[in-house]
Amino acid sequence: MYPTLFRYGSFEITTFGLMMFLAFVVAGWVLTKQFRRVGLTEDLASTMTMAAALGGIVGAKVYYAILFRDWHLLFDRAGLVWYGGLIGGILACSWVVMRRKIDLLRAADATAPSIAIGYTLGRIGCFLVGDDYGRPTDAWFGIAFPKGSPPTTAQSLREFGVRLDPSIPPDQVLRVHPTQLYESAAALVMFVILWRMNRENNHRRGRTAAVFLILLGIERFLVEIVRAKDDRFLGPFTIAQLISVLLVVGGVVLLVYPGRSRGISGGTS
């Protein structure tokens, strides 16, 4: 783990912050290439990247505050929730696209690979600071985060609702599923699939975006099974799994959508 890259007094640069920055830079580069391929402008790609950054951060913080029912958390440095960021980013980018009268489905198809590659890098940042890890495991690939956020001690895991042997002392550091790496690897596979889909000519608008929603929903639903979470609201199921199911349903609906797109048509400014 390398949670902090540089510290000078109270100022510090974290590996999470660096990976988030790289995620937006790389995603913006991929988005520019995708937009150029379908006849959309680089200026629009830059605007979309900025909108995704602002909308994503706001959405992630709002989701976090709602999850813990504390609006003071909006101003806390920690607490960036992926699904909240995804929803906020989509809303912000959709507003930009509709305002410029661009075909919404065409823009969504071109945007999907950039979200996947951003997700890949962002989750590496979570791994480097020891956040969003999974449940305890004795498997060889289990990883302990003694300086995680929070550390993977028995006490921290119990606070997440994980049932452990009562004889395990509270300060004992345990190995857990590195779910951040699971998600990063899955997102990289998604990126390759979506990139190749967009290279095909004459495919129906909305197909790439639909496949992205389906793959993302399935990936997150499965990862949540081994995540250390305290928001299991319906038996073993988490709020993120509910959202995942909705994404899959939405993706399937979009995938079987009638051949003629009802997206917003218009210019490429």
C-alpha atoms as a PDB file:
ATOM      1  CA  MET A   1       0.000   0.000   0.000  1.00  0.00           C
ATOM      2  CA  TYR A   2       1.113   3.514  -0.828  1.00  0.00           C
ATOM      3  CA  PRO A   3      -1.673   5.769   0.481  1.00  0.00           C
ATOM      4  CA  THR A   4       0.414   8.959   0.438  1.00  0.00           C
ATOM      5  CA  LEU A   5       2.821   9.966  -2.311  1.00  0.00           C
ATOM      6  CA  PHE A   6       3.862  13.351  -0.979  1.00  0.00           C
ATOM      7  CA  ARG A   7       3.271  15.326   2.207  1.00  0.00           C
ATOM      8  CA  TYR A   8       4.386  18.823   3.102  1.00  0.00           C
ATOM      9  CA  GLY A   9       2.948  20.018   6.396  1.00  0.00           C
ATOM     10  CA  SER A  10      -0.812  19.553   6.204  1.00  0.00           C
ATOM     11  CA  PHE A  11      -0.739  19.286   2.401  1.00  0.00           C
ATOM     12  CA  GLU A  12      -0.541  15.838   0.865  1.00  0.00           C
ATOM     13  CA  ILE A  13      -0.996  14.092  -2.460  1.00  0.00           C
ATOM     14  CA  THR A  14      -2.565  10.654  -2.146  1.00  0.00           C
ATOM     15  CA  THR A  15      -2.304   7.744  -4.552  1.00  0.00           C
ATOM     16  CA  PHE A  16      -6.101   7.755  -4.757  1.00  0.00           C
ATOM     17  CA  GLY A  17      -6.083  11.376  -5.869  1.00  0.00           C
ATOM     18  CA  LEU A  18      -3.374  10.652  -8.428  1.00  0.00           C
ATOM     19  CA  MET A  19      -5.251   7.653  -9.847  1.00  0.00           C
ATOM     20  CA  MET A  20      -8.476   9.669 -10.022  1.00  0.00           C
ATOM     21  CA  PHE A  21      -6.618  12.345 -11.961  1.00  0.00           C
ATOM     22  CA  LEU A  22      -5.152   9.750 -14.322  1.00  0.00           C
ATOM     23  CA  ALA A  23      -8.570   8.139 -14.699  1.00  0.00           C
ATOM     24  CA  PHE A  24     -10.086  11.375 -15.996  1.00  0.00           C
ATOM     25  CA  VAL A  25      -7.081  12.135 -18.223  1.00  0.00           C
ATOM     26  CA  VAL A  26      -7.076   8.689 -19.853  1.00  0.00           C
ATOM     27  CA  ALA A  27     -10.865   8.578 -20.077  1.00  0.00           C
ATOM     28  CA  GLY A  28     -10.842  12.009 -21.714  1.00  0.00           C
ATOM     29  CA  TRP A  29      -8.256  10.847 -24.256  1.00  0.00           C
ATOM     30  CA  VAL A  30     -10.297   7.744 -25.095  1.00  0.00           C
ATOM     31  CA  LEU A  31     -13.458   9.852 -25.332  1.00  0.00           C
ATOM     32  CA  THR A  32     -11.771  12.264 -27.759  1.00  0.00           C
ATOM     33  CA  LYS A  33     -10.723   9.391 -30.028  1.00  0.00           C
ATOM     34  CA  GLN A  34     -14.187   7.859 -29.910  1.00  0.00           C
ATOM     35  CA  PHE A  35     -15.924  11.161 -30.627  1.00  0.00           C
ATOM     36  CA  ARG A  36     -13.575  11.879 -33.514  1.00  0.00           C
ATOM     37  CA  ARG A  37     -14.401   8.486 -35.014  1.00  0.00           C
ATOM     38  CA  VAL A  38     -18.161   9.157 -35.028  1.00  0.00           C
ATOM     39  CA  GLY A  39     -17.901  12.738 -36.232  1.00  0.00           C
ATOM     40  CA  LEU A  40     -18.250  14.550 -32.899  1.00  0.00           C
ATOM     41  CA  THR A  41     -15.874  17.345 -31.960  1.00  0.00           C
ATOM     42  CA  GLU A  42     -12.916  17.358 -29.585  1.00  0.00           C
ATOM     43  CA  ASP A  43     -14.403  20.434 -27.941  1.00  0.00           C
ATOM     44  CA  LEU A  44     -17.486  18.416 -27.004  1.00  0.00           C
ATOM     45  CA  ALA A  45     -15.275  15.634 -25.617  1.00  0.00           C
ATOM     46  CA  SER A  46     -13.440  18.143 -23.395  1.00  0.00           C
ATOM     47  CA  THR A  47     -16.712  19.619 -22.178  1.00  0.00           C
ATOM     48  CA  MET A  48     -18.076  16.145 -21.464  1.00  0.00           C
ATOM     49  CA  THR A  49     -14.948  15.203 -19.501  1.00  0.00           C
ATOM     50  CA  MET A  50     -15.286  18.315 -17.356  1.00  0.00           C
ATOM     51  CA  ALA A  51     -19.005  17.704 -16.858  1.00  0.00           C
ATOM     52  CA  ALA A  52     -18.313  14.089 -15.876  1.00  0.00           C
ATOM     53  CA  ALA A  53     -15.689  15.210 -13.351  1.00  0.00           C
ATOM     54  CA  LEU A  54     -17.921  17.812 -11.705  1.00  0.00           C
ATOM     55  CA  GLY A  55     -21.129  15.811 -11.898  1.00  0.00           C
ATOM     56  CA  GLY A  56     -19.347  12.656 -10.799  1.00  0.00           C
ATOM     57  CA  ILE A  57     -17.820  14.221  -7.690  1.00  0.00           C
ATOM     58  CA  VAL A  58     -21.107  15.879  -6.684  1.00  0.00           C
ATOM     59  CA  GLY A  59     -23.057  12.684  -7.311  1.00  0.00           C
ATOM     60  CA  ALA A  60     -20.557  10.575  -5.373  1.00  0.00           C
ATOM     61  CA  LYS A  61     -20.708  12.907  -2.371  1.00  0.00           C
ATOM     62  CA  VAL A  62     -24.515  13.197  -2.409  1.00  0.00           C
ATOM     63  CA  TYR A  63     -24.860   9.412  -2.573  1.00  0.00           C
ATOM     64  CA  TYR A  64     -22.421   9.072   0.346  1.00  0.00           C
ATOM     65  CA  ALA A  65     -24.318  11.615   2.446  1.00  0.00           C
ATOM     66  CA  ILE A  66     -27.662   9.926   1.705  1.00  0.00           C
ATOM     67  CA  LEU A  67     -26.220   6.496   2.481  1.00  0.00           C
ATOM     68  CA  PHE A  68     -25.123   7.602   5.958  1.00  0.00           C
ATOM     69  CA  ARG A  69     -27.976  10.107   6.422  1.00  0.00           C
ATOM     70  CA  ASP A  70     -25.603  12.924   7.288  1.00  0.00           C
ATOM     71  CA  TRP A  71     -25.418  16.001   5.007  1.00  0.00           C
ATOM     72  CA  HIS A  72     -22.286  17.168   6.814  1.00  0.00           C
ATOM     73  CA  LEU A  73     -20.467  14.408   4.926  1.00  0.00           C
ATOM     74  CA  LEU A  74     -20.834  16.468   1.748  1.00  0.00           C
ATOM     75  CA  PHE A  75     -17.874  18.502   2.979  1.00  0.00           C
ATOM     76  CA  ASP A  76     -15.840  15.551   4.234  1.00  0.00           C
ATOM     77  CA  ARG A  77     -12.708  14.694   2.267  1.00  0.00           C
ATOM     78  CA  ALA A  78     -13.513  10.984   2.188  1.00  0.00           C
ATOM     79  CA  GLY A  79     -16.574   9.319   0.726  1.00  0.00           C
ATOM     80  CA  LEU A  80     -16.655   9.068  -3.064  1.00  0.00           C
ATOM     81  CA  VAL A  81     -19.141   6.337  -3.996  1.00  0.00           C
ATOM     82  CA  TRP A  82     -18.823   4.871  -7.501  1.00  0.00           C
ATOM     83  CA  TYR A  83     -22.507   4.484  -8.312  1.00  0.00           C
ATOM     84  CA  GLY A  84     -23.261   7.975  -7.056  1.00  0.00           C
ATOM     85  CA  GLY A  85     -20.442   9.305  -9.242  1.00  0.00           C
ATOM     86  CA  LEU A  86     -21.707   7.322 -12.238  1.00  0.00           C
ATOM     87  CA  ILE A  87     -25.235   8.674 -11.858  1.00  0.00           C
ATOM     88  CA  GLY A  88     -24.022  12.239 -11.344  1.00  0.00           C
ATOM     89  CA  GLY A  89     -21.652  12.019 -14.310  1.00  0.00           C
ATOM     90  CA  ILE A  90     -24.335  10.587 -16.601  1.00  0.00           C
ATOM     91  CA  LEU A  91     -26.796  13.317 -15.661  1.00  0.00           C
ATOM     92  CA  ALA A  92     -24.232  16.073 -16.213  1.00  0.00           C
ATOM     93  CA  CYS A  93     -23.058  14.668 -19.558  1.00  0.00           C
ATOM     94  CA  SER A  94     -26.626  14.052 -20.731  1.00  0.00           C
ATOM     95  CA  TRP A  95     -27.424  17.700 -20.024  1.00  0.00           C
ATOM     96  CA  VAL A  96     -24.443  18.780 -22.150  1.00  0.00           C
ATOM     97  CA  VAL A  97     -25.426  16.455 -25.001  1.00  0.00           C
ATOM     98  CA  MET A  98     -29.079  17.500 -25.049  1.00  0.00           C
ATOM     99  CA  ARG A  99     -28.190  21.169 -24.755  1.00  0.00           C
ATOM    100  CA  ARG A 100     -26.060  20.866 -27.898  1.00  0.00           C
ATOM    101  CA  LYS A 101     -28.731  18.802 -29.676  1.00  0.00           C
ATOM    102  CA  ILE A 102     -26.502  15.769 -30.209  1.00  0.00           C
ATOM    103  CA  ASP A 103     -27.923  12.292 -30.753  1.00  0.00           C
ATOM    104  CA  LEU A 104     -27.983  10.922 -27.216  1.00  0.00           C
ATOM    105  CA  LEU A 105     -27.485   7.254 -28.123  1.00  0.00           C
ATOM    106  CA  ARG A 106     -24.588   7.984 -30.463  1.00  0.00           C
ATOM    107  CA  ALA A 107     -22.866   9.961 -27.709  1.00  0.00           C
ATOM    108  CA  ALA A 108     -23.590   7.218 -25.159  1.00  0.00           C
ATOM    109  CA  ASP A 109     -22.028   4.543 -27.377  1.00  0.00           C
ATOM    110  CA  ALA A 110     -18.895   6.631 -27.859  1.00  0.00           C
ATOM    111  CA  THR A 111     -18.693   7.418 -24.134  1.00  0.00           C
ATOM    112  CA  ALA A 112     -19.044   3.859 -22.790  1.00  0.00           C
ATOM    113  CA  PRO A 113     -15.391   2.741 -23.326  1.00  0.00           C
ATOM    114  CA  SER A 114     -14.063   5.863 -21.620  1.00  0.00           C
ATOM    115  CA  ILE A 115     -16.140   5.177 -18.503  1.00  0.00           C
ATOM    116  CA  ALA A 116     -14.836   1.603 -18.390  1.00  0.00           C
ATOM    117  CA  ILE A 117     -11.168   2.642 -18.590  1.00  0.00           C
ATOM    118  CA  GLY A 118     -11.740   5.363 -15.988  1.00  0.00           C
ATOM    119  CA  TYR A 119     -13.292   2.749 -13.705  1.00  0.00           C
ATOM    120  CA  THR A 120     -10.242   0.524 -14.230  1.00  0.00           C
ATOM    121  CA  LEU A 121      -7.809   3.185 -13.020  1.00  0.00           C
ATOM    122  CA  GLY A 122     -10.038   4.527 -10.273  1.00  0.00           C
ATOM    123  CA  ARG A 123     -10.312   1.145  -8.579  1.00  0.00           C
ATOM    124  CA  ILE A 124      -6.531   0.820  -8.564  1.00  0.00           C
ATOM    125  CA  GLY A 125      -6.533   4.031  -6.536  1.00  0.00           C
ATOM    126  CA  CYS A 126      -8.924   2.403  -4.052  1.00  0.00           C
ATOM    127  CA  PHE A 127      -6.550  -0.557  -3.779  1.00  0.00           C
ATOM    128  CA  LEU A 128      -3.520   1.644  -3.123  1.00  0.00           C
ATOM    129  CA  VAL A 129      -5.211   3.367  -0.165  1.00  0.00           C
ATOM    130  CA  GLY A 130      -6.847   0.176   1.167  1.00  0.00           C
ATOM    131  CA  ASP A 131     -10.466   1.167   0.626  1.00  0.00           C
ATOM    132  CA  ASP A 132     -13.529  -0.767  -0.613  1.00  0.00           C
ATOM    133  CA  TYR A 133     -12.049  -4.170   0.129  1.00  0.00           C
ATOM    134  CA  GLY A 134     -13.825  -7.490   0.593  1.00  0.00           C
ATOM    135  CA  ARG A 135     -14.550 -10.028   3.281  1.00  0.00           C
ATOM    136  CA  PRO A 136     -11.851 -12.125   4.994  1.00  0.00           C
ATOM    137  CA  THR A 137     -10.331 -14.981   3.009  1.00  0.00           C
ATOM    138  CA  ASP A 138      -7.638 -17.607   3.558  1.00  0.00           C
ATOM    139  CA  ALA A 139      -6.977 -17.889  -0.185  1.00  0.00           C
ATOM    140  CA  TRP A 140      -3.469 -17.212  -1.482  1.00  0.00           C
ATOM    141  CA  PHE A 141      -4.605 -14.018  -3.183  1.00  0.00           C
ATOM    142  CA  GLY A 142      -5.982 -12.505   0.016  1.00  0.00           C
ATOM    143  CA  ILE A 143      -4.389  -9.184   0.982  1.00  0.00           C
ATOM    144  CA  ALA A 144      -4.139  -7.474   4.370  1.00  0.00           C
ATOM    145  CA  PHE A 145      -4.439  -3.688   4.633  1.00  0.00           C
ATOM    146  CA  PRO A 146      -2.881  -2.751   7.999  1.00  0.00           C
ATOM    147  CA  LYS A 147      -3.041   0.940   7.073  1.00  0.00           C
ATOM    148  CA  GLY A 148      -6.236   0.765   5.069  1.00  0.00           C
ATOM    149  CA  SER A 149      -9.195   3.123   5.193  1.00  0.00           C
ATOM    150  CA  PRO A 150     -10.054   1.589   7.612  1.00  0.00           C
ATOM    151  CA  PRO A 151      -7.473  -1.142   8.344  1.00  0.00           C
ATOM    152  CA  THR A 152      -8.624  -4.726   7.856  1.00  0.00           C
ATOM    153  CA  THR A 153      -8.661  -5.460  11.569  1.00  0.00           C
ATOM    154  CA  ALA A 154     -11.190  -7.818  13.097  1.00  0.00           C
ATOM    155  CA  GLN A 155     -12.863  -4.835  14.761  1.00  0.00           C
ATOM    156  CA  SER A 156     -13.277  -2.912  11.501  1.00  0.00           C
ATOM    157  CA  LEU A 157     -14.663  -5.954   9.708  1.00  0.00           C
ATOM    158  CA  ARG A 158     -17.123  -6.612  12.513  1.00  0.00           C
ATOM    159  CA  GLU A 159     -18.326  -3.023  12.179  1.00  0.00           C
ATOM    160  CA  PHE A 160     -19.056  -3.836   8.529  1.00  0.00           C
ATOM    161  CA  GLY A 161     -21.292  -6.657   9.721  1.00  0.00           C
ATOM    162  CA  VAL A 162     -18.818  -9.458   8.945  1.00  0.00           C
ATOM    163  CA  ARG A 163     -19.241 -12.426  11.274  1.00  0.00           C
ATOM    164  CA  LEU A 164     -15.910 -13.565  12.697  1.00  0.00           C
ATOM    165  CA  ASP A 165     -14.773 -16.069  15.284  1.00  0.00           C
ATOM    166  CA  PRO A 166     -15.245 -14.330  18.670  1.00  0.00           C
ATOM    167  CA  SER A 167     -11.802 -15.557  19.716  1.00  0.00           C
ATOM    168  CA  ILE A 168     -10.087 -13.339  17.106  1.00  0.00           C
ATOM    169  CA  PRO A 169      -8.747 -10.231  18.922  1.00  0.00           C
ATOM    170  CA  PRO A 170     -10.114  -6.869  17.704  1.00  0.00           C
ATOM    171  CA  ASP A 171      -6.708  -5.534  16.621  1.00  0.00           C
ATOM    172  CA  GLN A 172      -5.707  -8.578  14.554  1.00  0.00           C
ATOM    173  CA  VAL A 173      -5.189  -7.682  10.882  1.00  0.00           C
ATOM    174  CA  LEU A 174      -6.857 -10.138   8.506  1.00  0.00           C
ATOM    175  CA  ARG A 175      -6.411 -10.879   4.825  1.00  0.00           C
ATOM    176  CA  VAL A 176      -9.402  -9.986   2.688  1.00  0.00           C
ATOM    177  CA  HIS A 177     -10.615 -10.287  -0.885  1.00  0.00           C
ATOM    178  CA  PRO A 178      -8.924  -7.520  -2.954  1.00  0.00           C
ATOM    179  CA  THR A 179     -12.245  -6.611  -4.561  1.00  0.00           C
ATOM    180  CA  GLN A 180     -10.710  -3.409  -5.945  1.00  0.00           C
ATOM    181  CA  LEU A 181      -8.482  -5.524  -8.200  1.00  0.00           C
ATOM    182  CA  TYR A 182     -11.407  -7.760  -9.168  1.00  0.00           C
ATOM    183  CA  GLU A 183     -13.323  -4.695 -10.330  1.00  0.00           C
ATOM    184  CA  SER A 184     -10.332  -3.146 -12.055  1.00  0.00           C
ATOM    185  CA  ALA A 185      -9.675  -6.338 -14.036  1.00  0.00           C
ATOM    186  CA  ALA A 186     -13.355  -6.698 -14.950  1.00  0.00           C
ATOM    187  CA  ALA A 187     -13.545  -3.058 -16.059  1.00  0.00           C
ATOM    188  CA  LEU A 188     -10.473  -3.534 -18.269  1.00  0.00           C
ATOM    189  CA  VAL A 189     -12.185  -6.486 -19.973  1.00  0.00           C
ATOM    190  CA  MET A 190     -15.288  -4.314 -20.422  1.00  0.00           C
ATOM    191  CA  PHE A 191     -13.172  -1.599 -22.006  1.00  0.00           C
ATOM    192  CA  VAL A 192     -11.697  -4.014 -24.566  1.00  0.00           C
ATOM    193  CA  ILE A 193     -15.149  -5.375 -25.452  1.00  0.00           C
ATOM    194  CA  LEU A 194     -16.732  -1.925 -25.793  1.00  0.00           C
ATOM    195  CA  TRP A 195     -13.797  -0.530 -27.775  1.00  0.00           C
ATOM    196  CA  ARG A 196     -14.023  -3.379 -30.273  1.00  0.00           C
ATOM    197  CA  MET A 197     -17.785  -3.036 -30.536  1.00  0.00           C
ATOM    198  CA  ASN A 198     -17.434   0.628 -31.469  1.00  0.00           C
ATOM    199  CA  ARG A 199     -14.961  -0.269 -34.218  1.00  0.00           C
ATOM    200  CA  GLU A 200     -17.654  -2.234 -36.001  1.00  0.00           C
ATOM    201  CA  ASN A 201     -19.456  -0.336 -38.722  1.00  0.00           C
ATOM    202  CA  ASN A 202     -23.211   0.060 -39.064  1.00  0.00           C
ATOM    203  CA  HIS A 203     -24.167  -1.302 -35.652  1.00  0.00           C
ATOM    204  CA  ARG A 204     -27.393   0.003 -34.165  1.00  0.00           C
ATOM    205  CA  ARG A 205     -27.124   3.063 -31.973  1.00  0.00           C
ATOM    206  CA  GLY A 206     -27.357   2.323 -28.266  1.00  0.00           C
ATOM    207  CA  ARG A 207     -25.977  -1.208 -28.491  1.00  0.00           C
ATOM    208  CA  THR A 208     -22.566  -0.423 -26.967  1.00  0.00           C
ATOM    209  CA  ALA A 209     -24.138   1.610 -24.167  1.00  0.00           C
ATOM    210  CA  ALA A 210     -26.605  -1.225 -23.487  1.00  0.00           C
ATOM    211  CA  VAL A 211     -23.844  -3.848 -23.280  1.00  0.00           C
ATOM    212  CA  PHE A 212     -21.891  -1.569 -20.936  1.00  0.00           C
ATOM    213  CA  LEU A 213     -24.857  -1.252 -18.557  1.00  0.00           C
ATOM    214  CA  ILE A 214     -25.412  -5.011 -18.567  1.00  0.00           C
ATOM    215  CA  LEU A 215     -21.750  -5.893 -17.992  1.00  0.00           C
ATOM    216  CA  LEU A 216     -21.334  -3.243 -15.304  1.00  0.00           C
ATOM    217  CA  GLY A 217     -24.456  -4.379 -13.475  1.00  0.00           C
ATOM    218  CA  ILE A 218     -23.420  -8.046 -13.539  1.00  0.00           C
ATOM    219  CA  GLU A 219     -19.854  -7.267 -12.459  1.00  0.00           C
ATOM    220  CA  ARG A 220     -20.873  -5.105  -9.521  1.00  0.00           C
ATOM    221  CA  PHE A 221     -23.641  -7.462  -8.374  1.00  0.00           C
ATOM    222  CA  LEU A 222     -21.166 -10.358  -8.205  1.00  0.00           C
ATOM    223  CA  VAL A 223     -18.395  -8.363  -6.506  1.00  0.00           C
ATOM    224  CA  GLU A 224     -20.818  -7.149  -3.838  1.00  0.00           C
ATOM    225  CA  ILE A 225     -21.231 -10.753  -2.682  1.00  0.00           C
ATOM    226  CA  VAL A 226     -17.713 -10.719  -1.216  1.00  0.00           C
ATOM    227  CA  ARG A 227     -17.514  -7.016  -0.330  1.00  0.00           C
ATOM    228  CA  ALA A 228     -17.282  -5.946   3.313  1.00  0.00           C
ATOM    229  CA  LYS A 229     -20.414  -3.791   3.421  1.00  0.00           C
ATOM    230  CA  ASP A 230     -22.778  -2.470   6.072  1.00  0.00           C
ATOM    231  CA  ASP A 231     -25.636  -1.445   3.755  1.00  0.00           C
ATOM    232  CA  ARG A 232     -27.266  -4.848   3.259  1.00  0.00           C
ATOM    233  CA  PHE A 233     -30.878  -3.715   3.356  1.00  0.00           C
ATOM    234  CA  LEU A 234     -32.689  -6.865   2.181  1.00  0.00           C
ATOM    235  CA  GLY A 235     -31.114  -9.927   3.745  1.00  0.00           C
ATOM    236  CA  PRO A 236     -27.715 -10.418   2.047  1.00  0.00           C
ATOM    237  CA  PHE A 237     -28.366  -7.845  -0.692  1.00  0.00           C
ATOM    238  CA  THR A 238     -26.838  -4.350  -0.764  1.00  0.00           C
ATOM    239  CA  ILE A 239     -28.086  -1.073  -2.211  1.00  0.00           C
ATOM    240  CA  ALA A 240     -25.411  -1.347  -4.907  1.00  0.00           C
ATOM    241  CA  GLN A 241     -26.853  -4.714  -5.934  1.00  0.00           C
ATOM    242  CA  LEU A 242     -30.285  -3.166  -6.302  1.00  0.00           C
ATOM    243  CA  ILE A 243     -28.811  -0.486  -8.566  1.00  0.00           C
ATOM    244  CA  SER A 244     -26.937  -3.212 -10.461  1.00  0.00           C
ATOM    245  CA  VAL A 245     -30.177  -5.047 -11.184  1.00  0.00           C
ATOM    246  CA  LEU A 246     -31.738  -1.818 -12.452  1.00  0.00           C
ATOM    247  CA  LEU A 247     -28.724  -1.247 -14.731  1.00  0.00           C
ATOM    248  CA  VAL A 248     -29.013  -4.733 -16.200  1.00  0.00           C
ATOM    249  CA  VAL A 249     -32.746  -4.291 -16.787  1.00  0.00           C
ATOM    250  CA  GLY A 250     -32.142  -0.897 -18.388  1.00  0.00           C
ATOM    251  CA  GLY A 251     -29.388  -2.334 -20.568  1.00  0.00           C
ATOM    252  CA  VAL A 252     -31.580  -5.226 -21.734  1.00  0.00           C
ATOM    253  CA  VAL A 253     -34.412  -2.827 -22.589  1.00  0.00           C
ATOM    254  CA  LEU A 254     -32.015  -0.644 -24.564  1.00  0.00           C
ATOM    255  CA  LEU A 255     -30.534  -3.692 -26.283  1.00  0.00           C
ATOM    256  CA  VAL A 256     -33.903  -4.913 -27.578  1.00  0.00           C
ATOM    257  CA  TYR A 257     -35.027  -1.391 -28.428  1.00  0.00           C
ATOM    258  CA  PRO A 258     -36.653  -1.081 -31.881  1.00  0.00           C
ATOM    259  CA  GLY A 259     -34.109  -0.605 -34.652  1.00  0.00           C
ATOM    260  CA  ARG A 260     -34.977   3.036 -35.297  1.00  0.00           C
ATOM    261  CA  SER A 261     -33.332   5.220 -32.670  1.00  0.00           C
ATOM    262  CA  ARG A 262     -35.368   7.822 -30.843  1.00  0.00           C
ATOM    263  CA  GLY A 263     -32.267   9.637 -29.690  1.00  0.00           C
ATOM    264  CA  ILE A 264     -31.936  13.381 -30.097  1.00  0.00           C
ATOM    265  CA  SER A 265     -30.787  14.106 -33.600  1.00  0.00           C
ATOM    266  CA  GLY A 266     -28.829  17.141 -34.597  1.00  0.00           C
ATOM    267  CA  GLY A 267     -25.455  18.564 -35.516  1.00  0.00           C
ATOM    268  CA  THR A 268     -22.022  17.752 -34.231  1.00  0.00           C
ATOM    269  CA  SER A 269     -21.065  21.059 -32.690  1.00  0.00           C
END
